[in-house]
Amino acid sequence: MAKHRDKDFEKKLCADLLAITRLIYACMPINNLPTVDTIMKKHEDESPDEIRKEIQENLDFLRVWVKYLLFDNEATIRETKGK
């Protein structure tokens, strides 16, 4: 039962991460981005720990990406105010 709950949680988390990724890459056609089912099939033989590690790596990437966007936005604001 717990293993089934872990899979459901991982699928929901994967779907949420994909939604965030789609927002970041909004300028790309959505049909180029993978679906949750595609990703889950690709990783169905992996252990929950391996999946969690990959999810953590994706979260780390998103965290750095958002920090970069904020830094770039702040720099643009400073540039605009300086003119």
PDB file of N, CA and C in Angstrom:
ATOM      1  N   MET A   1       0.829  -1.199   0.000  1.00  0.00           N
ATOM      2  CA  MET A   1       0.000   0.000   0.000  1.00  0.00           C
ATOM      3  C   MET A   1       0.868   1.257   0.000  1.00  0.00           C
ATOM      4  N   ALA A   2       1.934   1.250   0.817  1.00  0.00           N
ATOM      5  CA  ALA A   2       2.801   2.427   0.893  1.00  0.00           C
ATOM      6  C   ALA A   2       3.524   2.648  -0.424  1.00  0.00           C
ATOM      7  N   LYS A   3       3.897   1.545  -1.088  1.00  0.00           N
ATOM      8  CA  LYS A   3       4.587   1.671  -2.373  1.00  0.00           C
ATOM      9  C   LYS A   3       3.661   2.308  -3.409  1.00  0.00           C
ATOM     10  N   HIS A   4       2.388   1.935  -3.380  1.00  0.00           N
ATOM     11  CA  HIS A   4       1.400   2.517  -4.299  1.00  0.00           C
ATOM     12  C   HIS A   4       1.236   4.014  -4.021  1.00  0.00           C
ATOM     13  N   ARG A   5       1.201   4.375  -2.743  1.00  0.00           N
ATOM     14  CA  ARG A   5       1.089   5.793  -2.367  1.00  0.00           C
ATOM     15  C   ARG A   5       2.310   6.572  -2.837  1.00  0.00           C
ATOM     16  N   ASP A   6       3.521   5.954  -2.708  1.00  0.00           N
ATOM     17  CA  ASP A   6       4.744   6.610  -3.175  1.00  0.00           C
ATOM     18  C   ASP A   6       4.671   6.880  -4.675  1.00  0.00           C
ATOM     19  N   LYS A   7       4.198   5.895  -5.438  1.00  0.00           N
ATOM     20  CA  LYS A   7       4.090   6.072  -6.892  1.00  0.00           C
ATOM     21  C   LYS A   7       3.097   7.190  -7.232  1.00  0.00           C
ATOM     22  N   ASP A   8       1.959   7.226  -6.516  1.00  0.00           N
ATOM     23  CA  ASP A   8       0.974   8.278  -6.762  1.00  0.00           C
ATOM     24  C   ASP A   8       1.560   9.653  -6.449  1.00  0.00           C
ATOM     25  N   PHE A   9       2.279   9.742  -5.335  1.00  0.00           N
ATOM     26  CA  PHE A   9       2.911  11.008  -4.956  1.00  0.00           C
ATOM     27  C   PHE A   9       3.944  11.427  -5.994  1.00  0.00           C
ATOM     28  N   GLU A  10       4.768  10.456  -6.434  1.00  0.00           N
ATOM     29  CA  GLU A  10       5.805  10.768  -7.421  1.00  0.00           C
ATOM     30  C   GLU A  10       5.181  11.194  -8.741  1.00  0.00           C
ATOM     31  N   LYS A  11       4.078  10.556  -9.116  1.00  0.00           N
ATOM     32  CA  LYS A  11       3.409  10.942 -10.367  1.00  0.00           C
ATOM     33  C   LYS A  11       2.858  12.361 -10.259  1.00  0.00           C
ATOM     34  N   LYS A  12       2.252  12.698  -9.109  1.00  0.00           N
ATOM     35  CA  LYS A  12       1.719  14.054  -8.898  1.00  0.00           C
ATOM     36  C   LYS A  12       2.852  15.072  -8.890  1.00  0.00           C
ATOM     37  N   LEU A  13       3.952  14.746  -8.205  1.00  0.00           N
ATOM     38  CA  LEU A  13       5.094  15.654  -8.160  1.00  0.00           C
ATOM     39  C   LEU A  13       5.684  15.842  -9.551  1.00  0.00           C
ATOM     40  N   CYS A  14       5.769  14.762 -10.295  1.00  0.00           N
ATOM     41  CA  CYS A  14       6.269  14.839 -11.668  1.00  0.00           C
ATOM     42  C   CYS A  14       5.369  15.737 -12.518  1.00  0.00           C
ATOM     43  N   ALA A  15       4.063  15.589 -12.359  1.00  0.00           N
ATOM     44  CA  ALA A  15       3.121  16.427 -13.115  1.00  0.00           C
ATOM     45  C   ALA A  15       3.293  17.894 -12.747  1.00  0.00           C
ATOM     46  N   ASP A  16       3.466  18.167 -11.458  1.00  0.00           N
ATOM     47  CA  ASP A  16       3.663  19.553 -11.021  1.00  0.00           C
ATOM     48  C   ASP A  16       4.970  20.130 -11.569  1.00  0.00           C
ATOM     49  N   LEU A  17       6.031  19.340 -11.550  1.00  0.00           N
ATOM     50  CA  LEU A  17       7.307  19.805 -12.097  1.00  0.00           C
ATOM     51  C   LEU A  17       7.195  20.078 -13.594  1.00  0.00           C
ATOM     52  N   LEU A  18       6.474  19.219 -14.293  1.00  0.00           N
ATOM     53  CA  LEU A  18       6.279  19.450 -15.727  1.00  0.00           C
ATOM     54  C   LEU A  18       5.487  20.726 -15.981  1.00  0.00           C
ATOM     55  N   ALA A  19       4.498  20.992 -15.139  1.00  0.00           N
ATOM     56  CA  ALA A  19       3.719  22.222 -15.291  1.00  0.00           C
ATOM     57  C   ALA A  19       4.614  23.445 -15.088  1.00  0.00           C
ATOM     58  N   ILE A  20       5.480  23.389 -14.094  1.00  0.00           N
ATOM     59  CA  ILE A  20       6.418  24.494 -13.850  1.00  0.00           C
ATOM     60  C   ILE A  20       7.363  24.639 -15.035  1.00  0.00           C
ATOM     61  N   THR A  21       7.857  23.514 -15.533  1.00  0.00           N
ATOM     62  CA  THR A  21       8.771  23.555 -16.681  1.00  0.00           C
ATOM     63  C   THR A  21       8.081  24.156 -17.896  1.00  0.00           C
ATOM     64  N   ARG A  22       6.829  23.802 -18.094  1.00  0.00           N
ATOM     65  CA  ARG A  22       6.081  24.375 -19.231  1.00  0.00           C
ATOM     66  C   ARG A  22       5.925  25.873 -19.083  1.00  0.00           C
ATOM     67  N   LEU A  23       5.750  26.347 -17.873  1.00  0.00           N
ATOM     68  CA  LEU A  23       5.660  27.793 -17.664  1.00  0.00           C
ATOM     69  C   LEU A  23       6.986  28.471 -18.005  1.00  0.00           C
ATOM     70  N   ILE A  24       8.086  27.842 -17.603  1.00  0.00           N
ATOM     71  CA  ILE A  24       9.403  28.426 -17.878  1.00  0.00           C
ATOM     72  C   ILE A  24       9.679  28.443 -19.377  1.00  0.00           C
ATOM     73  N   TYR A  25       9.337  27.366 -20.026  1.00  0.00           N
ATOM     74  CA  TYR A  25       9.595  27.270 -21.462  1.00  0.00           C
ATOM     75  C   TYR A  25       8.327  27.539 -22.269  1.00  0.00           C
ATOM     76  N   ALA A  26       7.554  28.524 -21.861  1.00  0.00           N
ATOM     77  CA  ALA A  26       6.259  28.813 -22.482  1.00  0.00           C
ATOM     78  C   ALA A  26       6.379  29.157 -23.962  1.00  0.00           C
ATOM     79  N   CYS A  27       7.514  29.622 -24.377  1.00  0.00           N
ATOM     80  CA  CYS A  27       7.659  30.010 -25.784  1.00  0.00           C
ATOM     81  C   CYS A  27       7.819  28.793 -26.701  1.00  0.00           C
ATOM     82  N   MET A  28       8.055  27.618 -26.112  1.00  0.00           N
ATOM     83  CA  MET A  28       8.201  26.407 -26.924  1.00  0.00           C
ATOM     84  C   MET A  28       6.833  25.777 -27.155  1.00  0.00           C
ATOM     85  N   PRO A  29       6.639  25.130 -28.309  1.00  0.00           N
ATOM     86  CA  PRO A  29       5.381  24.408 -28.521  1.00  0.00           C
ATOM     87  C   PRO A  29       5.242  23.290 -27.478  1.00  0.00           C
ATOM     88  N   ILE A  30       4.076  23.152 -26.906  1.00  0.00           N
ATOM     89  CA  ILE A  30       3.861  22.170 -25.837  1.00  0.00           C
ATOM     90  C   ILE A  30       4.056  20.743 -26.333  1.00  0.00           C
ATOM     91  N   ASN A  31       3.796  20.470 -27.606  1.00  0.00           N
ATOM     92  CA  ASN A  31       3.935  19.096 -28.086  1.00  0.00           C
ATOM     93  C   ASN A  31       5.394  18.630 -28.091  1.00  0.00           C
ATOM     94  N   ASN A  32       6.348  19.531 -27.921  1.00  0.00           N
ATOM     95  CA  ASN A  32       7.753  19.137 -27.824  1.00  0.00           C
ATOM     96  C   ASN A  32       8.143  18.693 -26.423  1.00  0.00           C
ATOM     97  N   LEU A  33       7.314  19.001 -25.434  1.00  0.00           N
ATOM     98  CA  LEU A  33       7.625  18.660 -24.058  1.00  0.00           C
ATOM     99  C   LEU A  33       7.041  17.290 -23.721  1.00  0.00           C
ATOM    100  N   PRO A  34       7.749  16.512 -22.893  1.00  0.00           N
ATOM    101  CA  PRO A  34       7.258  15.175 -22.556  1.00  0.00           C
ATOM    102  C   PRO A  34       6.030  15.238 -21.650  1.00  0.00           C
ATOM    103  N   THR A  35       5.250  14.174 -21.679  1.00  0.00           N
ATOM    104  CA  THR A  35       4.088  14.072 -20.804  1.00  0.00           C
ATOM    105  C   THR A  35       4.483  13.313 -19.538  1.00  0.00           C
ATOM    106  N   VAL A  36       3.628  13.365 -18.546  1.00  0.00           N
ATOM    107  CA  VAL A  36       3.878  12.647 -17.296  1.00  0.00           C
ATOM    108  C   VAL A  36       3.983  11.152 -17.565  1.00  0.00           C
ATOM    109  N   ASP A  37       3.078  10.622 -18.378  1.00  0.00           N
ATOM    110  CA  ASP A  37       3.092   9.184 -18.664  1.00  0.00           C
ATOM    111  C   ASP A  37       4.385   8.755 -19.345  1.00  0.00           C
ATOM    112  N   THR A  38       4.880   9.573 -20.268  1.00  0.00           N
ATOM    113  CA  THR A  38       6.139   9.266 -20.944  1.00  0.00           C
ATOM    114  C   THR A  38       7.282   9.184 -19.940  1.00  0.00           C
ATOM    115  N   ILE A  39       7.341  10.137 -19.059  1.00  0.00           N
ATOM    116  CA  ILE A  39       8.415  10.166 -18.071  1.00  0.00           C
ATOM    117  C   ILE A  39       8.288   9.013 -17.088  1.00  0.00           C
ATOM    118  N   MET A  40       7.068   8.727 -16.634  1.00  0.00           N
ATOM    119  CA  MET A  40       6.877   7.637 -15.675  1.00  0.00           C
ATOM    120  C   MET A  40       7.220   6.287 -16.314  1.00  0.00           C
ATOM    121  N   LYS A  41       6.881   6.084 -17.594  1.00  0.00           N
ATOM    122  CA  LYS A  41       7.245   4.837 -18.269  1.00  0.00           C
ATOM    123  C   LYS A  41       8.761   4.709 -18.375  1.00  0.00           C
ATOM    124  N   LYS A  42       9.405   5.821 -18.661  1.00  0.00           N
ATOM    125  CA  LYS A  42      10.866   5.812 -18.800  1.00  0.00           C
ATOM    126  C   LYS A  42      11.536   5.403 -17.491  1.00  0.00           C
ATOM    127  N   HIS A  43      10.918   5.737 -16.382  1.00  0.00           N
ATOM    128  CA  HIS A  43      11.537   5.505 -15.076  1.00  0.00           C
ATOM    129  C   HIS A  43      10.826   4.441 -14.250  1.00  0.00           C
ATOM    130  N   GLU A  44       9.949   3.634 -14.867  1.00  0.00           N
ATOM    131  CA  GLU A  44       9.171   2.677 -14.077  1.00  0.00           C
ATOM    132  C   GLU A  44      10.025   1.583 -13.438  1.00  0.00           C
ATOM    133  N   ASP A  45      11.193   1.296 -13.987  1.00  0.00           N
ATOM    134  CA  ASP A  45      12.059   0.267 -13.412  1.00  0.00           C
ATOM    135  C   ASP A  45      13.010   0.817 -12.358  1.00  0.00           C
ATOM    136  N   GLU A  46      12.991   2.119 -12.164  1.00  0.00           N
ATOM    137  CA  GLU A  46      13.876   2.728 -11.177  1.00  0.00           C
ATOM    138  C   GLU A  46      13.261   2.654  -9.786  1.00  0.00           C
ATOM    139  N   SER A  47      14.134   2.656  -8.810  1.00  0.00           N
ATOM    140  CA  SER A  47      13.658   2.635  -7.426  1.00  0.00           C
ATOM    141  C   SER A  47      13.138   4.024  -7.056  1.00  0.00           C
ATOM    142  N   PRO A  48      12.298   4.103  -6.028  1.00  0.00           N
ATOM    143  CA  PRO A  48      11.810   5.410  -5.578  1.00  0.00           C
ATOM    144  C   PRO A  48      12.955   6.364  -5.212  1.00  0.00           C
ATOM    145  N   ASP A  49      14.041   5.829  -4.670  1.00  0.00           N
ATOM    146  CA  ASP A  49      15.179   6.694  -4.328  1.00  0.00           C
ATOM    147  C   ASP A  49      15.823   7.303  -5.571  1.00  0.00           C
ATOM    148  N   GLU A  50      15.924   6.512  -6.638  1.00  0.00           N
ATOM    149  CA  GLU A  50      16.484   7.044  -7.885  1.00  0.00           C
ATOM    150  C   GLU A  50      15.579   8.117  -8.480  1.00  0.00           C
ATOM    151  N   ILE A  51      14.276   7.880  -8.412  1.00  0.00           N
ATOM    152  CA  ILE A  51      13.319   8.861  -8.930  1.00  0.00           C
ATOM    153  C   ILE A  51      13.381  10.137  -8.094  1.00  0.00           C
ATOM    154  N   ARG A  52      13.435   9.978  -6.770  1.00  0.00           N
ATOM    155  CA  ARG A  52      13.531  11.160  -5.893  1.00  0.00           C
ATOM    156  C   ARG A  52      14.801  11.950  -6.180  1.00  0.00           C
ATOM    157  N   LYS A  53      15.905  11.240  -6.438  1.00  0.00           N
ATOM    158  CA  LYS A  53      17.169  11.927  -6.750  1.00  0.00           C
ATOM    159  C   LYS A  53      17.016  12.753  -8.026  1.00  0.00           C
ATOM    160  N   GLU A  54      16.391  12.178  -9.030  1.00  0.00           N
ATOM    161  CA  GLU A  54      16.194  12.919 -10.287  1.00  0.00           C
ATOM    162  C   GLU A  54      15.254  14.107 -10.087  1.00  0.00           C
ATOM    163  N   ILE A  55      14.199  13.905  -9.300  1.00  0.00           N
ATOM    164  CA  ILE A  55      13.286  15.007  -9.003  1.00  0.00           C
ATOM    165  C   ILE A  55      14.035  16.114  -8.276  1.00  0.00           C
ATOM    166  N   GLN A  56      14.898  15.737  -7.318  1.00  0.00           N
ATOM    167  CA  GLN A  56      15.677  16.742  -6.580  1.00  0.00           C
ATOM    168  C   GLN A  56      16.600  17.504  -7.511  1.00  0.00           C
ATOM    169  N   GLU A  57      17.219  16.804  -8.461  1.00  0.00           N
ATOM    170  CA  GLU A  57      18.085  17.479  -9.431  1.00  0.00           C
ATOM    171  C   GLU A  57      17.286  18.472 -10.259  1.00  0.00           C
ATOM    172  N   ASN A  58      16.068  18.099 -10.661  1.00  0.00           N
ATOM    173  CA  ASN A  58      15.227  19.010 -11.437  1.00  0.00           C
ATOM    174  C   ASN A  58      14.802  20.216 -10.602  1.00  0.00           C
ATOM    175  N   LEU A  59      14.482  19.968  -9.339  1.00  0.00           N
ATOM    176  CA  LEU A  59      14.128  21.086  -8.458  1.00  0.00           C
ATOM    177  C   LEU A  59      15.313  22.027  -8.265  1.00  0.00           C
ATOM    178  N   ASP A  60      16.509  21.460  -8.117  1.00  0.00           N
ATOM    179  CA  ASP A  60      17.713  22.291  -7.982  1.00  0.00           C
ATOM    180  C   ASP A  60      17.911  23.157  -9.225  1.00  0.00           C
ATOM    181  N   PHE A  61      17.709  22.546 -10.413  1.00  0.00           N
ATOM    182  CA  PHE A  61      17.841  23.294 -11.652  1.00  0.00           C
ATOM    183  C   PHE A  61      16.829  24.434 -11.696  1.00  0.00           C
ATOM    184  N   LEU A  62      15.569  24.132 -11.352  1.00  0.00           N
ATOM    185  CA  LEU A  62      14.535  25.163 -11.371  1.00  0.00           C
ATOM    186  C   LEU A  62      14.844  26.277 -10.382  1.00  0.00           C
ATOM    187  N   ARG A  63      15.361  25.912  -9.209  1.00  0.00           N
ATOM    188  CA  ARG A  63      15.711  26.906  -8.193  1.00  0.00           C
ATOM    189  C   ARG A  63      16.791  27.854  -8.729  1.00  0.00           C
ATOM    190  N   VAL A  64      17.818  27.300  -9.368  1.00  0.00           N
ATOM    191  CA  VAL A  64      18.892  28.130  -9.935  1.00  0.00           C
ATOM    192  C   VAL A  64      18.346  28.991 -11.067  1.00  0.00           C
ATOM    193  N   TRP A  65      17.484  28.417 -11.899  1.00  0.00           N
ATOM    194  CA  TRP A  65      16.905  29.155 -13.023  1.00  0.00           C
ATOM    195  C   TRP A  65      16.098  30.356 -12.534  1.00  0.00           C
ATOM    196  N   VAL A  66      15.282  30.138 -11.503  1.00  0.00           N
ATOM    197  CA  VAL A  66      14.470  31.235 -10.965  1.00  0.00           C
ATOM    198  C   VAL A  66      15.382  32.304 -10.356  1.00  0.00           C
ATOM    199  N   LYS A  67      16.433  31.901  -9.644  1.00  0.00           N
ATOM    200  CA  LYS A  67      17.372  32.882  -9.083  1.00  0.00           C
ATOM    201  C   LYS A  67      18.012  33.708 -10.199  1.00  0.00           C
ATOM    202  N   TYR A  68      18.391  33.036 -11.286  1.00  0.00           N
ATOM    203  CA  TYR A  68      18.974  33.757 -12.419  1.00  0.00           C
ATOM    204  C   TYR A  68      17.975  34.759 -12.992  1.00  0.00           C
ATOM    205  N   LEU A  69      16.723  34.328 -13.159  1.00  0.00           N
ATOM    206  CA  LEU A  69      15.712  35.235 -13.708  1.00  0.00           C
ATOM    207  C   LEU A  69      15.500  36.443 -12.808  1.00  0.00           C
ATOM    208  N   LEU A  70      15.470  36.219 -11.499  1.00  0.00           N
ATOM    209  CA  LEU A  70      15.314  37.334 -10.560  1.00  0.00           C
ATOM    210  C   LEU A  70      16.513  38.275 -10.628  1.00  0.00           C
ATOM    211  N   PHE A  71      17.713  37.701 -10.683  1.00  0.00           N
ATOM    212  CA  PHE A  71      18.922  38.521 -10.785  1.00  0.00           C
ATOM    213  C   PHE A  71      18.894  39.351 -12.066  1.00  0.00           C
ATOM    214  N   ASP A  72      18.519  38.716 -13.169  1.00  0.00           N
ATOM    215  CA  ASP A  72      18.454  39.415 -14.446  1.00  0.00           C
ATOM    216  C   ASP A  72      17.398  40.519 -14.413  1.00  0.00           C
ATOM    217  N   ASN A  73      16.268  40.244 -13.785  1.00  0.00           N
ATOM    218  CA  ASN A  73      15.203  41.235 -13.661  1.00  0.00           C
ATOM    219  C   ASN A  73      15.665  42.431 -12.823  1.00  0.00           C
ATOM    220  N   GLU A  74      16.327  42.149 -11.702  1.00  0.00           N
ATOM    221  CA  GLU A  74      16.833  43.239 -10.855  1.00  0.00           C
ATOM    222  C   GLU A  74      17.868  44.078 -11.595  1.00  0.00           C
ATOM    223  N   ALA A  75      18.728  43.435 -12.373  1.00  0.00           N
ATOM    224  CA  ALA A  75      19.726  44.172 -13.146  1.00  0.00           C
ATOM    225  C   ALA A  75      19.050  45.059 -14.191  1.00  0.00           C
ATOM    226  N   THR A  76      18.006  44.551 -14.820  1.00  0.00           N
ATOM    227  CA  THR A  76      17.278  45.337 -15.808  1.00  0.00           C
ATOM    228  C   THR A  76      16.618  46.546 -15.149  1.00  0.00           C
ATOM    229  N   ILE A  77      16.057  46.354 -13.965  1.00  0.00           N
ATOM    230  CA  ILE A  77      15.432  47.464 -13.240  1.00  0.00           C
ATOM    231  C   ILE A  77      16.473  48.522 -12.888  1.00  0.00           C
ATOM    232  N   ARG A  78      17.637  48.088 -12.408  1.00  0.00           N
ATOM    233  CA  ARG A  78      18.708  49.048 -12.082  1.00  0.00           C
ATOM    234  C   ARG A  78      19.164  49.806 -13.316  1.00  0.00           C
ATOM    235  N   GLU A  79      19.281  49.103 -14.428  1.00  0.00           N
ATOM    236  CA  GLU A  79      19.683  49.756 -15.678  1.00  0.00           C
ATOM    237  C   GLU A  79      18.668  50.800 -16.093  1.00  0.00           C
ATOM    238  N   THR A  80      17.397  50.455 -16.007  1.00  0.00           N
ATOM    239  CA  THR A  80      16.324  51.351 -16.419  1.00  0.00           C
ATOM    240  C   THR A  80      16.286  52.593 -15.526  1.00  0.00           C
ATOM    241  N   LYS A  81      16.461  52.398 -14.232  1.00  0.00           N
ATOM    242  CA  LYS A  81      16.457  53.540 -13.301  1.00  0.00           C
ATOM    243  C   LYS A  81      17.670  54.440 -13.524  1.00  0.00           C
ATOM    244  N   GLY A  82      18.779  53.874 -13.962  1.00  0.00           N
ATOM    245  CA  GLY A  82      20.003  54.641 -14.165  1.00  0.00           C
ATOM    246  C   GLY A  82      19.945  55.537 -15.395  1.00  0.00           C
ATOM    247  N   LYS A  83      19.037  55.303 -16.290  1.00  0.00           N
ATOM    248  CA  LYS A  83      18.953  56.095 -17.535  1.00  0.00           C
ATOM    249  C   LYS A  83      18.197  57.368 -17.344  1.00  0.00           C
TER     250      LYS A  83
END
